[in-house]
Amino acid sequence: MTALGSDGLGKRDSTQPRAESPESHADQALGSRKSHAARFVRQFGRNRTAVIGLVLIVFITFVAIFAPWIAPQDPRRQVYTALMEPPSRQYPMGTDDLGRDTLSRVIYGSRASLPVGVFSMAFSSLIGVLLGLAAGYFGGRIDTVLMRIMDAVLAFPTLLLAIFLVSVLGPSLRNAMLAVVIVYIPSFARVTRANVLSVKEQEYVLSSTSVGATDWWIISRHALPNVMSPVIVQVSLGVAYAILLEASMSFLGMGIQPPTPAWGSMINQGRRFITQAWWLMVFPGLAIFLTVLSFNFLGDGLRESLDPRQRVS
């Protein structure tokens, strides 16, 4: 209905709703994403341990990338006049039984441990998420077969399975990474499947199915976004476990092979001289401890920040 103004022209009633343009919907969606991102950053910043973990991870990554410029000496260089030297100004972390600088070897060891943890978790999460999506969404025989395979892998102790795989394939950095990937695929598959089963029962998914939405559309628009938060947390925690697993295999001689520096093999070498040269075990062990602790702090912070039940406005 229109009302007559003083100029005699009809004007639309201001109380009638106005149609919103597609641009306004896009602006609202963009604003919502920015709001969620700002809330996540604010919540994450309140967690001091998570921030400390992130800072330590950035520092360790920086050291690994720029190791050739940071390390004071060549980690393979043997100085026979400086065997088993204790920590000093010239050798801040001492030397080993071959006269190699421990500080340089610890720095270069980060270039072995970090890639194993990061890249193995990247591949494990990718494969595990795809398997979990297929099992959770399609169900039936696909779910039964995939989950029984995952259960079979989980039935083996993690370290023993990794050692078995490396013993079959041969000890090397590539095979160690492959073993870590295979060992941790089931954890991502099970987490993804559990979340997909929950999402499938939501009304918006049932509505999309009723109007003829394809399986790919539902998986990409509804299932996958809802599983990303727990997967991100699982990845951050999994990197710490993968670094520990790689160090354990290197300690047993099944991982990275000498003379390439690796924290696990350095501890194995230093245990023979624990009563004579404590620094050979302490400093590589401290590097593992700080790296694993940092990723655990980061994972806990991400879990609290991404969990809607723990968000504080």
Protein backbone atom coordinates (compact mmCIF):
# COMPACT_ATOMS: atom_id res chain seq x y z
CA MET A 1 0.00 0.00 0.00
CA THR A 2 1.24 3.50 -0.79
CA ALA A 3 0.74 6.76 1.03
CA LEU A 4 0.16 10.15 -0.66
CA GLY A 5 2.85 12.69 0.09
CA SER A 6 2.67 16.44 -0.12
CA ASP A 7 3.83 16.34 -3.72
CA GLY A 8 1.05 13.95 -4.65
CA LEU A 9 3.43 11.11 -5.53
CA GLY A 10 2.99 7.64 -4.15
CA LYS A 11 5.69 6.42 -1.75
CA ARG A 12 6.34 2.87 -0.59
CA ASP A 13 5.56 2.13 3.04
CA SER A 14 8.83 2.21 4.94
CA THR A 15 7.74 -0.73 7.10
CA GLN A 16 7.80 -3.18 4.16
CA PRO A 17 10.91 -5.40 4.05
CA ARG A 18 13.48 -4.71 1.37
CA ALA A 19 14.98 -7.44 -0.79
CA GLU A 20 18.62 -8.09 -0.03
CA SER A 21 21.08 -8.24 -2.90
CA PRO A 22 23.54 -11.10 -3.43
CA GLU A 23 26.32 -8.67 -2.56
CA SER A 24 24.82 -8.16 0.91
CA HIS A 25 24.75 -11.94 1.52
CA ALA A 26 28.39 -12.17 0.44
CA ASP A 27 29.32 -9.31 2.77
CA GLN A 28 27.51 -11.02 5.63
CA ALA A 29 29.33 -14.31 4.97
CA LEU A 30 32.67 -12.51 4.79
CA GLY A 31 31.91 -10.66 8.01
CA SER A 32 30.97 -13.91 9.71
CA ARG A 33 34.26 -15.54 8.69
CA LYS A 34 36.21 -12.52 9.92
CA SER A 35 34.31 -12.65 13.20
CA HIS A 36 35.14 -16.34 13.68
CA ALA A 37 38.80 -15.73 12.81
CA ALA A 38 39.02 -12.81 15.24
CA ARG A 39 37.37 -14.88 17.97
CA PHE A 40 39.83 -17.73 17.35
CA VAL A 41 42.85 -15.40 17.50
CA ARG A 42 41.55 -13.77 20.68
CA GLN A 43 40.88 -17.12 22.35
CA PHE A 44 44.24 -18.55 21.25
CA GLY A 45 46.09 -15.46 22.45
CA ARG A 46 44.65 -15.87 25.93
CA ASN A 47 46.31 -19.28 26.25
CA ARG A 48 49.87 -18.46 27.32
CA THR A 49 51.16 -22.00 27.02
CA ALA A 50 49.85 -22.24 23.45
CA VAL A 51 51.57 -18.98 22.53
CA ILE A 52 54.81 -20.21 24.12
CA GLY A 53 54.51 -23.44 22.13
CA LEU A 54 53.96 -21.53 18.89
CA VAL A 55 56.96 -19.28 19.55
CA LEU A 56 59.18 -22.29 20.27
CA ILE A 57 57.99 -24.05 17.10
CA VAL A 58 58.73 -20.95 15.02
CA PHE A 59 62.19 -20.76 16.60
CA ILE A 60 62.96 -24.46 16.01
CA THR A 61 61.73 -24.18 12.42
CA PHE A 62 63.93 -21.13 11.88
CA VAL A 63 66.93 -23.05 13.24
CA ALA A 64 66.20 -26.02 10.98
CA ILE A 65 65.85 -23.89 7.85
CA PHE A 66 68.95 -21.78 8.44
CA ALA A 67 71.09 -24.51 10.01
CA PRO A 68 73.97 -24.09 7.52
CA TRP A 69 74.33 -20.44 8.55
CA ILE A 70 73.63 -20.91 12.29
CA ALA A 71 75.74 -23.98 13.05
CA PRO A 72 79.24 -22.91 14.13
CA GLN A 73 80.90 -25.93 12.49
CA ASP A 74 80.32 -28.72 10.01
CA PRO A 75 78.42 -31.41 11.98
CA ARG A 76 80.52 -34.15 10.33
CA ARG A 77 83.89 -32.53 10.88
CA GLN A 78 86.08 -34.59 13.20
CA VAL A 79 88.66 -32.84 15.36
CA TYR A 80 90.90 -35.49 16.89
CA THR A 81 92.54 -32.98 19.21
CA ALA A 82 89.16 -32.21 20.84
CA LEU A 83 87.73 -35.60 21.72
CA MET A 84 85.03 -35.67 24.41
CA GLU A 85 85.52 -32.02 25.24
CA PRO A 86 83.07 -30.76 27.90
CA PRO A 87 80.93 -27.67 27.25
CA SER A 88 83.12 -24.60 26.88
CA ARG A 89 83.22 -21.26 25.13
CA GLN A 90 84.57 -22.86 21.97
CA TYR A 91 82.19 -25.82 22.16
CA PRO A 92 79.01 -24.69 24.00
CA MET A 93 77.62 -28.23 24.05
CA GLY A 94 80.91 -30.11 24.06
CA THR A 95 82.13 -32.66 21.52
CA ASP A 96 81.58 -36.37 21.01
CA ASP A 97 84.03 -39.27 20.92
CA LEU A 98 85.01 -38.35 17.34
CA GLY A 99 85.57 -34.69 18.07
CA ARG A 100 82.39 -33.49 16.35
CA ASP A 101 80.70 -30.36 17.69
CA THR A 102 77.53 -31.38 19.57
CA LEU A 103 75.85 -27.99 19.11
CA SER A 104 76.19 -28.19 15.34
CA ARG A 105 74.88 -31.76 15.32
CA VAL A 106 71.87 -30.81 17.48
CA ILE A 107 71.09 -27.92 15.11
CA TYR A 108 71.33 -30.15 12.05
CA GLY A 109 69.34 -32.85 13.82
CA SER A 110 66.30 -30.57 13.70
CA ARG A 111 66.42 -30.83 9.90
CA ALA A 112 65.78 -34.57 10.23
CA SER A 113 63.18 -34.67 13.00
CA LEU A 114 60.93 -31.80 11.91
CA PRO A 115 60.39 -32.99 8.30
CA VAL A 116 59.58 -36.49 9.55
CA GLY A 117 56.98 -35.11 11.94
CA VAL A 118 55.43 -32.50 9.67
CA PHE A 119 55.37 -34.32 6.34
CA SER A 120 54.37 -37.68 7.78
CA MET A 121 51.43 -36.07 9.57
CA ALA A 122 50.45 -34.22 6.40
CA PHE A 123 50.25 -37.45 4.41
CA SER A 124 48.69 -39.40 7.27
CA SER A 125 45.97 -36.79 7.73
CA LEU A 126 45.26 -36.59 4.00
CA ILE A 127 44.86 -40.34 3.57
CA GLY A 128 43.12 -40.83 6.92
CA VAL A 129 40.58 -38.05 6.28
CA LEU A 130 39.70 -39.45 2.85
CA LEU A 131 39.22 -42.95 4.28
CA GLY A 132 37.21 -41.61 7.22
CA LEU A 133 34.96 -39.56 4.93
CA ALA A 134 34.26 -42.57 2.74
CA ALA A 135 33.61 -44.88 5.69
CA GLY A 136 31.44 -42.46 7.63
CA TYR A 137 29.38 -41.09 4.77
CA PHE A 138 28.74 -44.16 2.63
CA GLY A 139 28.64 -46.71 5.47
CA GLY A 140 27.73 -50.31 4.70
CA ARG A 141 30.43 -52.57 3.36
CA ILE A 142 32.81 -49.69 2.70
CA ASP A 143 32.65 -48.70 6.35
CA THR A 144 33.04 -52.28 7.54
CA VAL A 145 36.05 -53.08 5.36
CA LEU A 146 37.90 -49.81 5.97
CA MET A 147 37.36 -49.79 9.71
CA ARG A 148 38.39 -53.42 10.12
CA ILE A 149 41.64 -52.62 8.32
CA MET A 150 42.16 -49.63 10.61
CA ASP A 151 41.45 -51.81 13.65
CA ALA A 152 44.00 -54.35 12.44
CA VAL A 153 46.67 -51.65 12.17
CA LEU A 154 45.77 -50.28 15.61
CA ALA A 155 46.04 -53.76 17.11
CA PHE A 156 49.84 -53.59 16.75
CA PRO A 157 51.91 -51.49 19.16
CA THR A 158 52.93 -48.32 17.34
CA LEU A 159 56.67 -48.63 17.78
CA LEU A 160 56.78 -52.36 16.99
CA LEU A 161 54.77 -51.86 13.80
CA ALA A 162 57.03 -49.01 12.70
CA ILE A 163 60.15 -51.08 13.40
CA PHE A 164 58.69 -54.03 11.46
CA LEU A 165 57.93 -51.85 8.43
CA VAL A 166 61.38 -50.25 8.45
CA SER A 167 63.07 -53.64 8.87
CA VAL A 168 61.21 -54.91 5.80
CA LEU A 169 61.81 -51.78 3.69
CA GLY A 170 65.28 -50.99 4.97
CA PRO A 171 66.49 -48.30 7.38
CA SER A 172 66.43 -44.82 5.82
CA LEU A 173 64.79 -41.44 6.29
CA ARG A 174 62.25 -42.10 3.53
CA ASN A 175 61.24 -45.47 4.92
CA ALA A 176 61.02 -44.07 8.43
CA MET A 177 58.61 -41.40 7.19
CA LEU A 178 56.59 -44.04 5.32
CA ALA A 179 56.34 -46.14 8.46
CA VAL A 180 55.13 -43.16 10.50
CA VAL A 181 52.53 -42.37 7.82
CA ILE A 182 51.12 -45.89 7.86
CA VAL A 183 51.08 -46.08 11.64
CA TYR A 184 49.07 -42.88 12.13
CA ILE A 185 46.53 -43.19 9.30
CA PRO A 186 43.99 -45.06 11.50
CA SER A 187 43.83 -42.30 14.11
CA PHE A 188 42.81 -39.72 11.51
CA ALA A 189 40.39 -42.12 9.83
CA ARG A 190 38.59 -42.88 13.10
CA VAL A 191 38.35 -39.21 14.15
CA THR A 192 36.98 -38.25 10.74
CA ARG A 193 34.50 -41.09 10.62
CA ALA A 194 33.11 -40.28 14.06
CA ASN A 195 32.50 -36.65 13.10
CA VAL A 196 30.99 -37.54 9.73
CA LEU A 197 28.52 -39.92 11.39
CA SER A 198 27.41 -37.05 13.60
CA VAL A 199 27.12 -34.58 10.73
CA LYS A 200 25.05 -37.00 8.64
CA GLU A 201 22.21 -36.82 11.15
CA GLN A 202 21.98 -33.02 11.08
CA GLU A 203 18.85 -31.46 9.58
CA TYR A 204 20.69 -29.33 7.03
CA VAL A 205 22.38 -32.44 5.61
CA LEU A 206 19.07 -34.29 5.41
CA SER A 207 17.53 -31.26 3.72
CA SER A 208 20.33 -31.14 1.15
CA THR A 209 19.80 -34.83 0.43
CA SER A 210 16.05 -34.36 0.00
CA VAL A 211 16.49 -31.65 -2.62
CA GLY A 212 18.82 -33.82 -4.69
CA ALA A 213 22.29 -32.62 -3.66
CA THR A 214 25.08 -34.88 -4.85
CA ASP A 215 27.27 -36.87 -2.47
CA TRP A 216 30.34 -34.85 -3.48
CA TRP A 217 28.51 -31.58 -2.76
CA ILE A 218 27.40 -32.73 0.69
CA ILE A 219 30.84 -34.08 1.56
CA SER A 220 32.69 -30.96 0.42
CA ARG A 221 30.20 -28.40 1.80
CA HIS A 222 29.01 -30.06 5.01
CA ALA A 223 31.06 -33.09 6.07
CA LEU A 224 34.60 -31.90 5.35
CA PRO A 225 34.36 -28.44 6.99
CA ASN A 226 32.96 -29.99 10.16
CA VAL A 227 35.86 -32.43 10.55
CA MET A 228 38.67 -29.95 9.94
CA SER A 229 38.83 -28.61 13.50
CA PRO A 230 39.50 -31.99 15.20
CA VAL A 231 41.83 -32.98 12.36
CA ILE A 232 43.92 -29.81 12.81
CA VAL A 233 44.24 -30.55 16.51
CA GLN A 234 45.12 -34.17 15.76
CA VAL A 235 47.82 -33.08 13.32
CA SER A 236 49.45 -30.69 15.80
CA LEU A 237 49.55 -33.40 18.48
CA GLY A 238 50.52 -36.08 15.97
CA VAL A 239 53.65 -34.19 14.93
CA ALA A 240 54.95 -34.52 18.49
CA TYR A 241 54.24 -38.26 18.52
CA ALA A 242 55.86 -38.69 15.10
CA ILE A 243 59.03 -36.92 16.26
CA LEU A 244 59.18 -39.22 19.28
CA LEU A 245 58.63 -42.26 17.07
CA GLU A 246 61.36 -41.19 14.66
CA ALA A 247 63.75 -40.56 17.55
CA SER A 248 62.96 -44.00 18.95
CA MET A 249 63.66 -45.68 15.62
CA SER A 250 66.90 -43.70 15.18
CA PHE A 251 67.90 -44.69 18.70
CA LEU A 252 67.45 -48.34 17.74
CA GLY A 253 69.33 -47.85 14.47
CA MET A 254 66.21 -48.24 12.31
CA GLY A 255 65.76 -44.62 11.30
CA ILE A 256 68.15 -42.00 9.94
CA GLN A 257 71.55 -43.54 9.42
CA PRO A 258 74.95 -42.10 10.43
CA PRO A 259 76.77 -39.89 9.70
CA THR A 260 73.61 -37.80 9.21
CA PRO A 261 72.87 -36.13 12.58
CA ALA A 262 69.64 -37.24 14.24
CA TRP A 263 68.61 -36.65 17.82
CA GLY A 264 67.70 -40.29 18.45
CA SER A 265 70.97 -41.68 17.10
CA MET A 266 72.92 -39.05 19.06
CA ILE A 267 71.31 -40.26 22.28
CA ASN A 268 72.12 -43.84 21.34
CA GLN A 269 75.72 -42.91 20.72
CA GLY A 270 75.97 -40.90 23.95
CA ARG A 271 74.56 -43.61 26.21
CA ARG A 272 77.86 -45.47 25.99
CA PHE A 273 79.61 -42.52 27.59
CA ILE A 274 76.93 -41.39 30.03
CA THR A 275 79.33 -41.56 33.00
CA GLN A 276 82.12 -39.76 31.13
CA ALA A 277 80.30 -37.27 28.90
CA TRP A 278 76.78 -36.45 30.13
CA TRP A 279 76.34 -33.75 27.50
CA LEU A 280 76.18 -36.28 24.66
CA MET A 281 72.75 -37.45 25.86
CA VAL A 282 71.42 -34.39 27.68
CA PHE A 283 71.44 -31.86 24.84
CA PRO A 284 69.81 -34.05 22.13
CA GLY A 285 67.30 -35.23 24.72
CA LEU A 286 66.57 -31.64 25.67
CA ALA A 287 65.98 -30.79 21.99
CA ILE A 288 63.45 -33.63 21.69
CA PHE A 289 61.80 -32.60 24.95
CA LEU A 290 61.35 -28.96 23.91
CA THR A 291 60.10 -29.82 20.43
CA VAL A 292 57.55 -32.37 21.62
CA LEU A 293 56.43 -30.09 24.46
CA SER A 294 55.96 -27.20 22.04
CA PHE A 295 53.68 -29.17 19.74
CA ASN A 296 51.71 -30.48 22.71
CA PHE A 297 51.20 -26.91 23.96
CA LEU A 298 50.12 -25.85 20.47
CA GLY A 299 47.74 -28.78 20.12
CA ASP A 300 46.08 -28.08 23.47
CA GLY A 301 45.69 -24.42 22.56
CA LEU A 302 44.14 -25.23 19.19
CA ARG A 303 41.74 -27.68 20.80
CA GLU A 304 40.52 -25.09 23.29
CA SER A 305 40.26 -22.35 20.65
CA LEU A 306 38.49 -24.47 18.02
CA ASP A 307 36.09 -26.17 20.44
CA PRO A 308 32.86 -24.11 20.48
CA ARG A 309 32.04 -25.36 24.00
CA GLN A 310 35.19 -23.74 25.37
CA ARG A 311 35.05 -20.43 23.54
CA VAL A 312 34.73 -17.31 25.63
CA SER A 313 33.36 -14.19 23.99
